[in-house]
PDB file of all heavy atoms in Angstrom:
ATOM      1  N   ILE A   1      39.419  92.031  70.870  1.00  0.00           N
ATOM      2  CA  ILE A   1      40.917  92.359  71.165  1.00  0.00           C
ATOM      3  C   ILE A   1      40.990  93.737  71.663  1.00  0.00           C
ATOM      4  O   ILE A   1      40.487  94.664  71.203  1.00  0.00           O
ATOM      5  CB  ILE A   1      41.702  92.300  69.852  1.00  0.00           C
ATOM      6  CG1 ILE A   1      41.706  90.961  69.195  1.00  0.00           C
ATOM      7  CG2 ILE A   1      43.165  92.724  70.079  1.00  0.00           C
ATOM      8  CD1 ILE A   1      42.345  90.896  67.884  1.00  0.00           C
ATOM      9  N   ILE A   2      41.582  93.759  72.965  1.00  0.00           N
ATOM     10  CA  ILE A   2      41.747  95.182  73.657  1.00  0.00           C
ATOM     11  C   ILE A   2      43.160  95.696  73.372  1.00  0.00           C
ATOM     12  O   ILE A   2      44.193  95.017  73.726  1.00  0.00           O
ATOM     13  CB  ILE A   2      41.613  95.003  75.202  1.00  0.00           C
ATOM     14  CG1 ILE A   2      40.202  94.286  75.364  1.00  0.00           C
ATOM     15  CG2 ILE A   2      41.625  96.302  75.741  1.00  0.00           C
ATOM     16  CD1 ILE A   2      39.897  94.110  76.891  1.00  0.00           C
ATOM     17  N   GLY A   3      43.252  96.751  72.706  1.00  0.00           N
ATOM     18  CA  GLY A   3      44.577  97.249  72.259  1.00  0.00           C
ATOM     19  C   GLY A   3      44.741  97.230  70.692  1.00  0.00           C
ATOM     20  O   GLY A   3      43.985  96.392  69.997  1.00  0.00           O
ATOM     21  N   ALA A   4      45.510  98.085  70.119  1.00  0.00           N
ATOM     22  CA  ALA A   4      45.592  98.165  68.635  1.00  0.00           C
ATOM     23  C   ALA A   4      47.145  98.320  68.242  1.00  0.00           C
ATOM     24  O   ALA A   4      47.393  98.967  67.146  1.00  0.00           O
ATOM     25  CB  ALA A   4      44.793  99.373  68.244  1.00  0.00           C
ATOM     26  N   GLY A   5      47.952  97.826  69.008  1.00  0.00           N
ATOM     27  CA  GLY A   5      49.368  97.896  68.827  1.00  0.00           C
ATOM     28  C   GLY A   5      49.854  96.842  67.809  1.00  0.00           C
ATOM     29  O   GLY A   5      49.083  96.147  67.301  1.00  0.00           O
ATOM     30  N   LYS A   6      51.274  96.711  67.865  1.00  0.00           N
ATOM     31  CA  LYS A   6      51.844  95.647  66.917  1.00  0.00           C
ATOM     32  C   LYS A   6      51.450  94.257  67.430  1.00  0.00           C
ATOM     33  O   LYS A   6      51.039  93.458  66.407  1.00  0.00           O
ATOM     34  CB  LYS A   6      53.368  95.732  67.077  1.00  0.00           C
ATOM     35  CG  LYS A   6      54.202  94.695  66.210  1.00  0.00           C
ATOM     36  CD  LYS A   6      55.630  94.814  66.393  1.00  0.00           C
ATOM     37  CE  LYS A   6      56.295  93.633  65.571  1.00  0.00           C
ATOM     38  NZ  LYS A   6      57.773  93.826  65.755  1.00  0.00           N
ATOM     39  N   MET A   7      51.324  94.028  68.666  1.00  0.00           N
ATOM     40  CA  MET A   7      50.882  92.566  69.091  1.00  0.00           C
ATOM     41  C   MET A   7      49.434  92.307  68.691  1.00  0.00           C
ATOM     42  O   MET A   7      49.101  91.252  68.432  1.00  0.00           O
ATOM     43  CB  MET A   7      51.059  92.497  70.646  1.00  0.00           C
ATOM     44  CG  MET A   7      52.533  92.641  71.168  1.00  0.00           C
ATOM     45  SD  MET A   7      53.491  91.275  70.717  1.00  0.00           S
ATOM     46  CE  MET A   7      53.088  90.306  72.156  1.00  0.00           C
ATOM     47  N   SER A   8      48.638  93.391  68.735  1.00  0.00           N
ATOM     48  CA  SER A   8      47.146  93.264  68.324  1.00  0.00           C
ATOM     49  C   SER A   8      47.144  92.978  66.930  1.00  0.00           C
ATOM     50  O   SER A   8      46.321  92.136  66.379  1.00  0.00           O
ATOM     51  CB  SER A   8      46.491  94.371  68.722  1.00  0.00           C
ATOM     52  OG  SER A   8      46.386  94.571  70.128  1.00  0.00           O
ATOM     53  N   ARG A   9      47.922  93.648  66.037  1.00  0.00           N
ATOM     54  CA  ARG A   9      47.959  93.280  64.589  1.00  0.00           C
ATOM     55  C   ARG A   9      48.359  91.943  64.378  1.00  0.00           C
ATOM     56  O   ARG A   9      47.741  91.215  63.525  1.00  0.00           O
ATOM     57  CB  ARG A   9      48.997  94.386  63.930  1.00  0.00           C
ATOM     58  CG  ARG A   9      49.090  94.075  62.432  1.00  0.00           C
ATOM     59  CD  ARG A   9      50.174  94.937  61.714  1.00  0.00           C
ATOM     60  NE  ARG A   9      51.453  94.669  62.232  1.00  0.00           N
ATOM     61  CZ  ARG A   9      52.171  93.497  61.807  1.00  0.00           C
ATOM     62  NH1 ARG A   9      51.664  92.790  60.992  1.00  0.00           N
ATOM     63  NH2 ARG A   9      53.368  93.362  62.315  1.00  0.00           N
ATOM     64  N   LEU A  10      49.292  91.421  65.083  1.00  0.00           N
ATOM     65  CA  LEU A  10      49.711  89.944  64.916  1.00  0.00           C
ATOM     66  C   LEU A  10      48.553  89.004  65.313  1.00  0.00           C
ATOM     67  O   LEU A  10      48.293  87.963  64.797  1.00  0.00           O
ATOM     68  CB  LEU A  10      50.942  89.631  65.681  1.00  0.00           C
ATOM     69  CG  LEU A  10      52.241  90.260  65.150  1.00  0.00           C
ATOM     70  CD1 LEU A  10      53.395  90.198  66.201  1.00  0.00           C
ATOM     71  CD2 LEU A  10      52.610  89.762  63.845  1.00  0.00           C
ATOM     72  N   LEU A  11      47.965  89.465  66.421  1.00  0.00           N
ATOM     73  CA  LEU A  11      46.688  88.640  66.835  1.00  0.00           C
ATOM     74  C   LEU A  11      45.657  88.615  65.722  1.00  0.00           C
ATOM     75  O   LEU A  11      45.120  87.532  65.492  1.00  0.00           O
ATOM     76  CB  LEU A  11      46.069  89.355  68.160  1.00  0.00           C
ATOM     77  CG  LEU A  11      46.802  89.058  69.490  1.00  0.00           C
ATOM     78  CD1 LEU A  11      46.178  89.871  70.541  1.00  0.00           C
ATOM     79  CD2 LEU A  11      46.750  87.545  69.829  1.00  0.00           C
ATOM     80  N   VAL A  12      45.214  89.774  65.185  1.00  0.00           N
ATOM     81  CA  VAL A  12      44.397  89.648  64.083  1.00  0.00           C
ATOM     82  C   VAL A  12      44.825  88.773  62.978  1.00  0.00           C
ATOM     83  O   VAL A  12      44.006  88.014  62.441  1.00  0.00           O
ATOM     84  CB  VAL A  12      44.068  91.222  63.525  1.00  0.00           C
ATOM     85  CG1 VAL A  12      43.060  91.059  62.402  1.00  0.00           C
ATOM     86  CG2 VAL A  12      43.556  92.004  64.734  1.00  0.00           C
ATOM     87  N   GLN A  13      46.124  89.005  62.514  1.00  0.00           N
ATOM     88  CA  GLN A  13      46.577  88.141  61.486  1.00  0.00           C
ATOM     89  C   GLN A  13      46.501  86.702  61.762  1.00  0.00           C
ATOM     90  O   GLN A  13      46.037  85.895  60.815  1.00  0.00           O
ATOM     91  CB  GLN A  13      48.129  88.544  61.339  1.00  0.00           C
ATOM     92  CG  GLN A  13      48.834  87.862  60.257  1.00  0.00           C
ATOM     93  CD  GLN A  13      50.328  88.149  60.044  1.00  0.00           C
ATOM     94  OE1 GLN A  13      50.605  89.412  60.236  1.00  0.00           O
ATOM     95  NE2 GLN A  13      51.187  87.275  59.947  1.00  0.00           N
ATOM     96  N   HIS A  14      46.821  86.307  63.049  1.00  0.00           N
ATOM     97  CA  HIS A  14      46.840  84.874  63.220  1.00  0.00           C
ATOM     98  C   HIS A  14      45.284  84.384  63.314  1.00  0.00           C
ATOM     99  O   HIS A  14      45.002  83.361  62.998  1.00  0.00           O
ATOM    100  CB  HIS A  14      47.606  84.509  64.466  1.00  0.00           C
ATOM    101  CG  HIS A  14      49.002  84.714  64.341  1.00  0.00           C
ATOM    102  ND1 HIS A  14      49.801  84.030  63.542  1.00  0.00           N
ATOM    103  CD2 HIS A  14      49.917  85.555  64.997  1.00  0.00           C
ATOM    104  CE1 HIS A  14      51.022  84.374  63.565  1.00  0.00           C
ATOM    105  NE2 HIS A  14      51.188  85.279  64.408  1.00  0.00           N
ATOM    106  N   LEU A  15      44.405  85.178  64.008  1.00  0.00           N
ATOM    107  CA  LEU A  15      43.070  84.764  64.158  1.00  0.00           C
ATOM    108  C   LEU A  15      42.396  84.606  62.808  1.00  0.00           C
ATOM    109  O   LEU A  15      41.708  83.684  62.554  1.00  0.00           O
ATOM    110  CB  LEU A  15      42.375  85.859  65.013  1.00  0.00           C
ATOM    111  CG  LEU A  15      42.536  85.843  66.420  1.00  0.00           C
ATOM    112  CD1 LEU A  15      42.081  87.197  67.244  1.00  0.00           C
ATOM    113  CD2 LEU A  15      41.859  84.634  67.124  1.00  0.00           C
ATOM    114  N   VAL A  16      42.510  85.644  61.934  1.00  0.00           N
ATOM    115  CA  VAL A  16      42.016  85.553  60.599  1.00  0.00           C
ATOM    116  C   VAL A  16      42.514  84.307  59.959  1.00  0.00           C
ATOM    117  O   VAL A  16      41.783  83.506  59.213  1.00  0.00           O
ATOM    118  CB  VAL A  16      42.380  86.766  59.781  1.00  0.00           C
ATOM    119  CG1 VAL A  16      41.943  86.696  58.360  1.00  0.00           C
ATOM    120  CG2 VAL A  16      41.592  88.088  60.365  1.00  0.00           C
ATOM    121  N   GLY A  17      43.738  84.036  60.040  1.00  0.00           N
ATOM    122  CA  GLY A  17      44.425  82.828  59.466  1.00  0.00           C
ATOM    123  C   GLY A  17      43.910  81.538  59.873  1.00  0.00           C
ATOM    124  O   GLY A  17      43.850  80.540  59.186  1.00  0.00           O
ATOM    125  N   LYS A  18      43.453  81.597  61.114  1.00  0.00           N
ATOM    126  CA  LYS A  18      42.701  80.412  61.762  1.00  0.00           C
ATOM    127  C   LYS A  18      41.194  80.376  61.516  1.00  0.00           C
ATOM    128  O   LYS A  18      40.425  79.479  62.088  1.00  0.00           O
ATOM    129  CB  LYS A  18      42.946  80.335  63.222  1.00  0.00           C
ATOM    130  CG  LYS A  18      44.546  80.173  63.605  1.00  0.00           C
ATOM    131  CD  LYS A  18      45.077  78.875  63.252  1.00  0.00           C
ATOM    132  CE  LYS A  18      46.602  78.780  63.705  1.00  0.00           C
ATOM    133  NZ  LYS A  18      47.152  77.405  63.226  1.00  0.00           N
ATOM    134  N   GLY A  19      40.637  81.247  60.785  1.00  0.00           N
ATOM    135  CA  GLY A  19      39.248  81.276  60.464  1.00  0.00           C
ATOM    136  C   GLY A  19      38.279  82.092  61.189  1.00  0.00           C
ATOM    137  O   GLY A  19      37.098  82.075  61.072  1.00  0.00           O
ATOM    138  N   ALA A  20      38.837  82.931  62.223  1.00  0.00           N
ATOM    139  CA  ALA A  20      37.922  83.826  62.978  1.00  0.00           C
ATOM    140  C   ALA A  20      37.351  84.859  62.077  1.00  0.00           C
ATOM    141  O   ALA A  20      37.957  85.428  61.263  1.00  0.00           O
ATOM    142  CB  ALA A  20      38.590  84.488  64.073  1.00  0.00           C
ATOM    143  N   VAL A  21      36.122  85.203  62.214  1.00  0.00           N
ATOM    144  CA  VAL A  21      35.325  86.243  61.380  1.00  0.00           C
ATOM    145  C   VAL A  21      34.638  87.257  62.187  1.00  0.00           C
ATOM    146  O   VAL A  21      34.276  88.327  61.691  1.00  0.00           O
ATOM    147  CB  VAL A  21      34.406  85.477  60.413  1.00  0.00           C
ATOM    148  CG1 VAL A  21      35.144  84.740  59.459  1.00  0.00           C
ATOM    149  CG2 VAL A  21      33.460  84.658  61.119  1.00  0.00           C
ATOM    150  N   GLN A  22      34.394  87.085  63.524  1.00  0.00           N
ATOM    151  CA  GLN A  22      33.665  88.010  64.279  1.00  0.00           C
ATOM    152  C   GLN A  22      34.631  88.669  65.275  1.00  0.00           C
ATOM    153  O   GLN A  22      34.927  88.073  66.364  1.00  0.00           O
ATOM    154  CB  GLN A  22      32.610  87.290  65.126  1.00  0.00           C
ATOM    155  CG  GLN A  22      31.625  86.541  64.264  1.00  0.00           C
ATOM    156  CD  GLN A  22      30.513  85.808  64.903  1.00  0.00           C
ATOM    157  OE1 GLN A  22      29.738  86.534  65.779  1.00  0.00           O
ATOM    158  NE2 GLN A  22      30.587  84.559  65.001  1.00  0.00           N
ATOM    159  N   ILE A  23      35.360  89.650  64.852  1.00  0.00           N
ATOM    160  CA  ILE A  23      36.434  90.268  65.654  1.00  0.00           C
ATOM    161  C   ILE A  23      36.129  91.794  65.873  1.00  0.00           C
ATOM    162  O   ILE A  23      35.708  92.563  65.044  1.00  0.00           O
ATOM    163  CB  ILE A  23      37.728  90.176  64.932  1.00  0.00           C
ATOM    164  CG1 ILE A  23      38.098  88.708  64.689  1.00  0.00           C
ATOM    165  CG2 ILE A  23      38.851  90.829  65.822  1.00  0.00           C
ATOM    166  CD1 ILE A  23      39.387  88.504  63.839  1.00  0.00           C
ATOM    167  N   SER A  24      36.171  92.075  67.126  1.00  0.00           N
ATOM    168  CA  SER A  24      35.953  93.482  67.552  1.00  0.00           C
ATOM    169  C   SER A  24      37.271  94.002  68.304  1.00  0.00           C
ATOM    170  O   SER A  24      37.970  93.288  68.881  1.00  0.00           O
ATOM    171  CB  SER A  24      34.913  93.680  68.543  1.00  0.00           C
ATOM    172  OG  SER A  24      33.619  93.235  68.135  1.00  0.00           O
ATOM    173  N   ILE A  25      37.576  95.395  67.852  1.00  0.00           N
ATOM    174  CA  ILE A  25      38.769  96.018  68.478  1.00  0.00           C
ATOM    175  C   ILE A  25      38.372  97.123  69.425  1.00  0.00           C
ATOM    176  O   ILE A  25      37.505  97.920  69.115  1.00  0.00           O
ATOM    177  CB  ILE A  25      39.646  96.638  67.283  1.00  0.00           C
ATOM    178  CG1 ILE A  25      39.888  95.663  66.243  1.00  0.00           C
ATOM    179  CG2 ILE A  25      40.903  97.186  67.920  1.00  0.00           C
ATOM    180  CD1 ILE A  25      40.803  94.552  66.646  1.00  0.00           C
ATOM    181  N   LEU A  26      38.886  96.976  70.633  1.00  0.00           N
ATOM    182  CA  LEU A  26      38.730  98.038  71.675  1.00  0.00           C
ATOM    183  C   LEU A  26      39.990  98.824  71.897  1.00  0.00           C
ATOM    184  O   LEU A  26      41.033  98.193  72.136  1.00  0.00           O
ATOM    185  CB  LEU A  26      38.268  97.355  72.969  1.00  0.00           C
ATOM    186  CG  LEU A  26      36.837  96.912  73.109  1.00  0.00           C
ATOM    187  CD1 LEU A  26      36.656  95.916  74.314  1.00  0.00           C
ATOM    188  CD2 LEU A  26      35.946  98.098  73.279  1.00  0.00           C
ATOM    189  N   ASN A  27      39.860 100.145  71.663  1.00  0.00           N
ATOM    190  CA  ASN A  27      41.103 100.944  71.966  1.00  0.00           C
ATOM    191  C   ASN A  27      40.870 102.248  72.462  1.00  0.00           C
ATOM    192  O   ASN A  27      39.773 102.780  72.062  1.00  0.00           O
ATOM    193  CB  ASN A  27      41.947 100.908  70.625  1.00  0.00           C
ATOM    194  CG  ASN A  27      43.468 101.359  70.889  1.00  0.00           C
ATOM    195  OD1 ASN A  27      44.087 100.596  71.671  1.00  0.00           O
ATOM    196  ND2 ASN A  27      43.852 102.477  70.357  1.00  0.00           N
ATOM    197  N   ARG A  28      41.769 102.877  73.088  1.00  0.00           N
ATOM    198  CA  ARG A  28      41.557 104.316  73.656  1.00  0.00           C
ATOM    199  C   ARG A  28      41.539 105.199  72.402  1.00  0.00           C
ATOM    200  O   ARG A  28      40.707 106.209  72.366  1.00  0.00           O
ATOM    201  CB  ARG A  28      42.686 104.607  74.655  1.00  0.00           C
ATOM    202  CG  ARG A  28      42.454 105.832  75.545  1.00  0.00           C
ATOM    203  CD  ARG A  28      43.427 106.197  76.392  1.00  0.00           C
ATOM    204  NE  ARG A  28      43.773 104.993  77.277  1.00  0.00           N
ATOM    205  CZ  ARG A  28      43.117 104.585  78.415  1.00  0.00           C
ATOM    206  NH1 ARG A  28      41.977 105.368  78.728  1.00  0.00           N
ATOM    207  NH2 ARG A  28      43.370 103.459  79.053  1.00  0.00           N
TER     208      ARG A  28
END
């Protein structure tokens, strides 16, 4: 996930809810 704002938080929330476990965050 590139970015760490509100939309990225929602992305993590939905991804984790769907079973994703290998997640990297890229941010300035």
